[in-house]
Each structure stands twice: as structure tokens, then as C-alpha cells.
Amino acid sequence: LHIAERQREEAFEARQILRSHVATMLKAVNEEQEAAQRVQTESLDLAQQLQSQNKALQCKAEASQRWEQQVSTLRSELQTEQAAALAAHNAAQVSESSTEG
């Protein structure tokens, strides 16, 4: 009878130790899950920030491209006007020289 009671006590102690280990393991698993959740949330936040920055850069690139196109168009118009002014100047000089002679 004494042996059976001692075995029950040892079994009870073993179960208590096992419960303690299980509780420790569950706590560790929960902490790991929380950490993983935080990392996932931070990753999503960073991805959204990158997406916003990429969109802003794309808008800036498009605006820059439009600006360069306008500058190119203005240069062409200026060159055309300069050529016309030079032709008019040359024509005037030719006209003056022919009237002088």
C-alpha cells in the first residue's frame, strides 16, 4: 500500500512537471507567433511605403519627361524663328546691296 501511494505521488509530480513544461512551451509558441505577426505587419507597412515611393517617383519621371518634351519643342520653335530671322536679314542685305549697286 505504501509503494502504491508513493507511485501515485511520483506520477502526480511527473504530471505537474509535464504541465509546467507544456505551459512553458505554449508561452514560447505564443511569443513566437506574436513576433512573426509583428514582422509581417512591419513588412506590409514597408511594402506600402515602397509602393507609395515608387508611385511618386513614377509621377516625377513622367513630369520630367513632359518637361523635356516641352523644352525640345521650344528649342525647335526657336531654331525655326532664328532661321526665319536670319533669312529675312540676309534677304534685306541682298536687297540693300542690289539697290546700292
N, C-alpha and C. Protein backbone atom coordinates (compact mmCIF):
# COMPACT_ATOMS: atom_id res chain seq x y z
N LEU A 1 0.84 -1.21 0.00
CA LEU A 1 0.00 0.00 0.00
C LEU A 1 0.88 1.27 0.00
N HIS A 2 1.93 1.24 0.80
CA HIS A 2 2.84 2.38 0.87
C HIS A 2 3.51 2.62 -0.49
N ILE A 3 3.88 1.56 -1.20
CA ILE A 3 4.51 1.66 -2.52
C ILE A 3 3.55 2.26 -3.52
N ALA A 4 2.31 1.84 -3.50
CA ALA A 4 1.30 2.35 -4.44
C ALA A 4 1.08 3.84 -4.21
N GLU A 5 1.04 4.25 -2.94
CA GLU A 5 0.84 5.66 -2.63
C GLU A 5 2.04 6.49 -3.10
N ARG A 6 3.22 5.96 -2.93
CA ARG A 6 4.43 6.64 -3.37
C ARG A 6 4.46 6.77 -4.90
N GLN A 7 4.02 5.70 -5.59
CA GLN A 7 3.97 5.74 -7.06
C GLN A 7 2.97 6.79 -7.53
N ARG A 8 1.84 6.89 -6.81
CA ARG A 8 0.84 7.91 -7.17
C ARG A 8 1.43 9.31 -6.98
N GLU A 9 2.15 9.52 -5.90
CA GLU A 9 2.79 10.82 -5.67
C GLU A 9 3.81 11.13 -6.76
N GLU A 10 4.60 10.15 -7.13
CA GLU A 10 5.60 10.35 -8.18
C GLU A 10 4.93 10.65 -9.52
N ALA A 11 3.83 9.93 -9.78
CA ALA A 11 3.09 10.17 -11.02
C ALA A 11 2.50 11.58 -11.01
N PHE A 12 1.98 12.00 -9.85
CA PHE A 12 1.41 13.34 -9.72
C PHE A 12 2.50 14.39 -9.97
N GLU A 13 3.68 14.20 -9.36
CA GLU A 13 4.79 15.13 -9.55
C GLU A 13 5.23 15.16 -11.02
N ALA A 14 5.27 13.98 -11.64
CA ALA A 14 5.66 13.90 -13.05
C ALA A 14 4.65 14.67 -13.91
N ARG A 15 3.36 14.53 -13.60
CA ARG A 15 2.33 15.27 -14.36
C ARG A 15 2.47 16.78 -14.15
N GLN A 16 2.78 17.17 -12.91
CA GLN A 16 2.97 18.60 -12.62
C GLN A 16 4.15 19.15 -13.43
N ILE A 17 5.25 18.39 -13.46
CA ILE A 17 6.43 18.81 -14.23
C ILE A 17 6.07 18.90 -15.71
N LEU A 18 5.33 17.88 -16.19
CA LEU A 18 4.92 17.87 -17.60
C LEU A 18 4.03 19.07 -17.91
N ARG A 19 3.08 19.36 -17.02
CA ARG A 19 2.20 20.53 -17.23
C ARG A 19 3.03 21.81 -17.28
N SER A 20 3.99 21.92 -16.41
CA SER A 20 4.85 23.10 -16.38
C SER A 20 5.61 23.25 -17.69
N HIS A 21 6.16 22.13 -18.19
CA HIS A 21 6.87 22.16 -19.47
C HIS A 21 5.95 22.55 -20.62
N VAL A 22 4.75 21.97 -20.62
CA VAL A 22 3.78 22.27 -21.68
C VAL A 22 3.41 23.76 -21.63
N ALA A 23 3.17 24.29 -20.42
CA ALA A 23 2.83 25.71 -20.28
C ALA A 23 3.97 26.58 -20.80
N THR A 24 5.22 26.21 -20.47
CA THR A 24 6.38 26.97 -20.94
C THR A 24 6.46 26.94 -22.47
N MET A 25 6.25 25.75 -23.04
CA MET A 25 6.30 25.61 -24.49
C MET A 25 5.19 26.42 -25.16
N LEU A 26 3.98 26.38 -24.61
CA LEU A 26 2.88 27.16 -25.18
C LEU A 26 3.17 28.66 -25.12
N LYS A 27 3.75 29.09 -24.01
CA LYS A 27 4.09 30.50 -23.88
C LYS A 27 5.12 30.89 -24.95
N ALA A 28 6.12 30.04 -25.15
CA ALA A 28 7.15 30.30 -26.16
C ALA A 28 6.54 30.34 -27.56
N VAL A 29 5.64 29.42 -27.85
CA VAL A 29 4.97 29.38 -29.16
C VAL A 29 4.16 30.65 -29.37
N ASN A 30 3.43 31.08 -28.34
CA ASN A 30 2.64 32.31 -28.45
C ASN A 30 3.53 33.52 -28.70
N GLU A 31 4.67 33.59 -27.99
CA GLU A 31 5.59 34.71 -28.19
C GLU A 31 6.15 34.70 -29.61
N GLU A 32 6.48 33.52 -30.12
CA GLU A 32 6.98 33.41 -31.50
C GLU A 32 5.92 33.85 -32.50
N GLN A 33 4.67 33.45 -32.25
CA GLN A 33 3.58 33.85 -33.16
C GLN A 33 3.39 35.37 -33.14
N GLU A 34 3.46 35.96 -31.95
CA GLU A 34 3.33 37.41 -31.85
C GLU A 34 4.47 38.12 -32.58
N ALA A 35 5.69 37.61 -32.41
CA ALA A 35 6.84 38.20 -33.09
C ALA A 35 6.68 38.07 -34.61
N ALA A 36 6.23 36.92 -35.07
CA ALA A 36 6.02 36.71 -36.51
C ALA A 36 4.95 37.67 -37.03
N GLN A 37 3.91 37.88 -36.24
CA GLN A 37 2.83 38.80 -36.63
C GLN A 37 3.37 40.22 -36.74
N ARG A 38 4.23 40.62 -35.78
CA ARG A 38 4.81 41.96 -35.83
C ARG A 38 5.68 42.12 -37.08
N VAL A 39 6.48 41.10 -37.37
CA VAL A 39 7.35 41.17 -38.55
C VAL A 39 6.50 41.27 -39.81
N GLN A 40 5.43 40.50 -39.87
CA GLN A 40 4.55 40.53 -41.05
C GLN A 40 3.91 41.91 -41.20
N THR A 41 3.47 42.49 -40.09
CA THR A 41 2.85 43.82 -40.13
C THR A 41 3.87 44.86 -40.60
N GLU A 42 5.09 44.79 -40.04
CA GLU A 42 6.14 45.73 -40.45
C GLU A 42 6.47 45.56 -41.93
N SER A 43 6.51 44.32 -42.39
CA SER A 43 6.80 44.06 -43.80
C SER A 43 5.72 44.66 -44.69
N LEU A 44 4.48 44.50 -44.29
CA LEU A 44 3.38 45.09 -45.08
C LEU A 44 3.48 46.61 -45.10
N ASP A 45 3.80 47.20 -43.94
CA ASP A 45 3.96 48.66 -43.88
C ASP A 45 5.07 49.12 -44.81
N LEU A 46 6.21 48.42 -44.77
CA LEU A 46 7.33 48.78 -45.64
C LEU A 46 6.95 48.62 -47.11
N ALA A 47 6.23 47.55 -47.42
CA ALA A 47 5.82 47.33 -48.81
C ALA A 47 4.92 48.47 -49.28
N GLN A 48 4.01 48.91 -48.42
CA GLN A 48 3.13 50.02 -48.78
C GLN A 48 3.92 51.31 -48.96
N GLN A 49 4.91 51.53 -48.09
CA GLN A 49 5.74 52.73 -48.23
C GLN A 49 6.51 52.70 -49.55
N LEU A 50 7.08 51.54 -49.87
CA LEU A 50 7.81 51.41 -51.13
C LEU A 50 6.90 51.64 -52.32
N GLN A 51 5.69 51.11 -52.24
CA GLN A 51 4.73 51.28 -53.33
C GLN A 51 4.41 52.77 -53.51
N SER A 52 4.21 53.47 -52.40
CA SER A 52 3.92 54.91 -52.48
C SER A 52 5.11 55.68 -53.06
N GLN A 53 6.32 55.32 -52.61
CA GLN A 53 7.51 55.99 -53.12
C GLN A 53 7.69 55.72 -54.61
N ASN A 54 7.44 54.48 -55.02
CA ASN A 54 7.56 54.15 -56.45
C ASN A 54 6.56 54.94 -57.27
N LYS A 55 5.36 55.08 -56.74
CA LYS A 55 4.34 55.84 -57.46
C LYS A 55 4.75 57.30 -57.59
N ALA A 56 5.29 57.86 -56.50
CA ALA A 56 5.75 59.25 -56.53
C ALA A 56 6.89 59.42 -57.53
N LEU A 57 7.83 58.47 -57.53
CA LEU A 57 8.94 58.55 -58.48
C LEU A 57 8.45 58.44 -59.91
N GLN A 58 7.47 57.58 -60.13
CA GLN A 58 6.92 57.42 -61.47
C GLN A 58 6.26 58.73 -61.93
N CYS A 59 5.52 59.37 -61.03
CA CYS A 59 4.89 60.65 -61.37
C CYS A 59 5.95 61.70 -61.69
N LYS A 60 7.03 61.73 -60.89
CA LYS A 60 8.11 62.69 -61.14
C LYS A 60 8.77 62.42 -62.49
N ALA A 61 8.98 61.15 -62.79
CA ALA A 61 9.62 60.79 -64.06
C ALA A 61 8.74 61.21 -65.23
N GLU A 62 7.43 61.01 -65.11
CA GLU A 62 6.51 61.39 -66.18
C GLU A 62 6.49 62.91 -66.35
N ALA A 63 6.50 63.64 -65.22
CA ALA A 63 6.52 65.11 -65.30
C ALA A 63 7.82 65.59 -65.94
N SER A 64 8.92 64.95 -65.57
CA SER A 64 10.22 65.31 -66.15
C SER A 64 10.22 65.06 -67.65
N GLN A 65 9.63 63.94 -68.05
CA GLN A 65 9.58 63.61 -69.47
C GLN A 65 8.74 64.65 -70.23
N ARG A 66 7.61 65.06 -69.64
CA ARG A 66 6.78 66.09 -70.28
C ARG A 66 7.55 67.41 -70.39
N TRP A 67 8.28 67.74 -69.32
CA TRP A 67 9.07 68.97 -69.31
C TRP A 67 10.13 68.94 -70.41
N GLU A 68 10.84 67.81 -70.52
CA GLU A 68 11.86 67.68 -71.56
C GLU A 68 11.25 67.79 -72.95
N GLN A 69 10.06 67.25 -73.12
CA GLN A 69 9.38 67.34 -74.42
C GLN A 69 9.03 68.79 -74.73
N GLN A 70 8.56 69.52 -73.72
CA GLN A 70 8.23 70.94 -73.93
C GLN A 70 9.48 71.74 -74.27
N VAL A 71 10.59 71.47 -73.56
CA VAL A 71 11.84 72.17 -73.84
C VAL A 71 12.30 71.88 -75.27
N SER A 72 12.19 70.63 -75.68
CA SER A 72 12.59 70.24 -77.03
C SER A 72 11.73 70.96 -78.07
N THR A 73 10.43 71.02 -77.82
CA THR A 73 9.52 71.71 -78.73
C THR A 73 9.88 73.19 -78.82
N LEU A 74 10.15 73.83 -77.67
CA LEU A 74 10.51 75.24 -77.66
C LEU A 74 11.82 75.49 -78.40
N ARG A 75 12.79 74.56 -78.21
CA ARG A 75 14.06 74.70 -78.93
C ARG A 75 13.83 74.66 -80.44
N SER A 76 13.01 73.72 -80.88
CA SER A 76 12.72 73.61 -82.32
C SER A 76 12.06 74.88 -82.84
N GLU A 77 11.10 75.39 -82.07
CA GLU A 77 10.42 76.62 -82.50
C GLU A 77 11.41 77.79 -82.55
N LEU A 78 12.29 77.86 -81.55
CA LEU A 78 13.29 78.93 -81.52
C LEU A 78 14.23 78.82 -82.71
N GLN A 79 14.69 77.61 -83.01
CA GLN A 79 15.58 77.43 -84.15
C GLN A 79 14.88 77.83 -85.46
N THR A 80 13.61 77.49 -85.59
CA THR A 80 12.84 77.86 -86.78
C THR A 80 12.74 79.38 -86.89
N GLU A 81 12.44 80.04 -85.75
CA GLU A 81 12.33 81.50 -85.76
C GLU A 81 13.68 82.16 -86.06
N GLN A 82 14.77 81.57 -85.49
CA GLN A 82 16.10 82.13 -85.77
C GLN A 82 16.45 81.98 -87.25
N ALA A 83 16.11 80.82 -87.80
CA ALA A 83 16.40 80.60 -89.23
C ALA A 83 15.59 81.59 -90.08
N ALA A 84 14.33 81.80 -89.70
CA ALA A 84 13.50 82.75 -90.45
C ALA A 84 14.05 84.17 -90.33
N ALA A 85 14.49 84.54 -89.11
CA ALA A 85 15.04 85.88 -88.89
C ALA A 85 16.33 86.06 -89.68
N LEU A 86 17.17 85.03 -89.70
CA LEU A 86 18.43 85.09 -90.46
C LEU A 86 18.14 85.22 -91.95
N ALA A 87 17.17 84.43 -92.42
CA ALA A 87 16.81 84.51 -93.85
C ALA A 87 16.28 85.90 -94.19
N ALA A 88 15.47 86.46 -93.30
CA ALA A 88 14.93 87.80 -93.55
C ALA A 88 16.06 88.83 -93.54
N HIS A 89 17.01 88.66 -92.59
CA HIS A 89 18.15 89.57 -92.52
C HIS A 89 19.00 89.48 -93.79
N ASN A 90 19.27 88.25 -94.22
CA ASN A 90 20.06 88.06 -95.45
C ASN A 90 19.33 88.63 -96.66
N ALA A 91 18.03 88.42 -96.70
CA ALA A 91 17.25 88.95 -97.82
C ALA A 91 17.29 90.48 -97.82
N ALA A 92 17.24 91.06 -96.64
CA ALA A 92 17.30 92.52 -96.54
C ALA A 92 18.66 93.03 -97.00
N GLN A 93 19.73 92.31 -96.61
CA GLN A 93 21.07 92.72 -97.03
C GLN A 93 21.23 92.61 -98.55
N VAL A 94 20.69 91.52 -99.10
CA VAL A 94 20.76 91.34 -100.55
C VAL A 94 19.98 92.46 -101.24
N SER A 95 18.84 92.79 -100.67
CA SER A 95 18.00 93.83 -101.25
C SER A 95 18.72 95.18 -101.18
N GLU A 96 19.36 95.46 -100.03
CA GLU A 96 20.10 96.72 -99.88
C GLU A 96 21.27 96.80 -100.86
N SER A 97 21.99 95.70 -100.98
CA SER A 97 23.15 95.70 -101.87
C SER A 97 22.73 95.83 -103.32
N SER A 98 21.59 95.29 -103.67
CA SER A 98 21.16 95.39 -105.06
C SER A 98 20.63 96.79 -105.35
N THR A 99 20.08 97.49 -104.35
CA THR A 99 19.61 98.85 -104.57
C THR A 99 20.77 99.83 -104.56
N GLU A 100 21.85 99.48 -103.81
CA GLU A 100 23.01 100.36 -103.78
C GLU A 100 23.77 100.32 -105.10
N GLY A 101 23.78 99.14 -105.69
CA GLY A 101 24.58 98.97 -106.89
C GLY A 101 23.88 99.41 -108.09
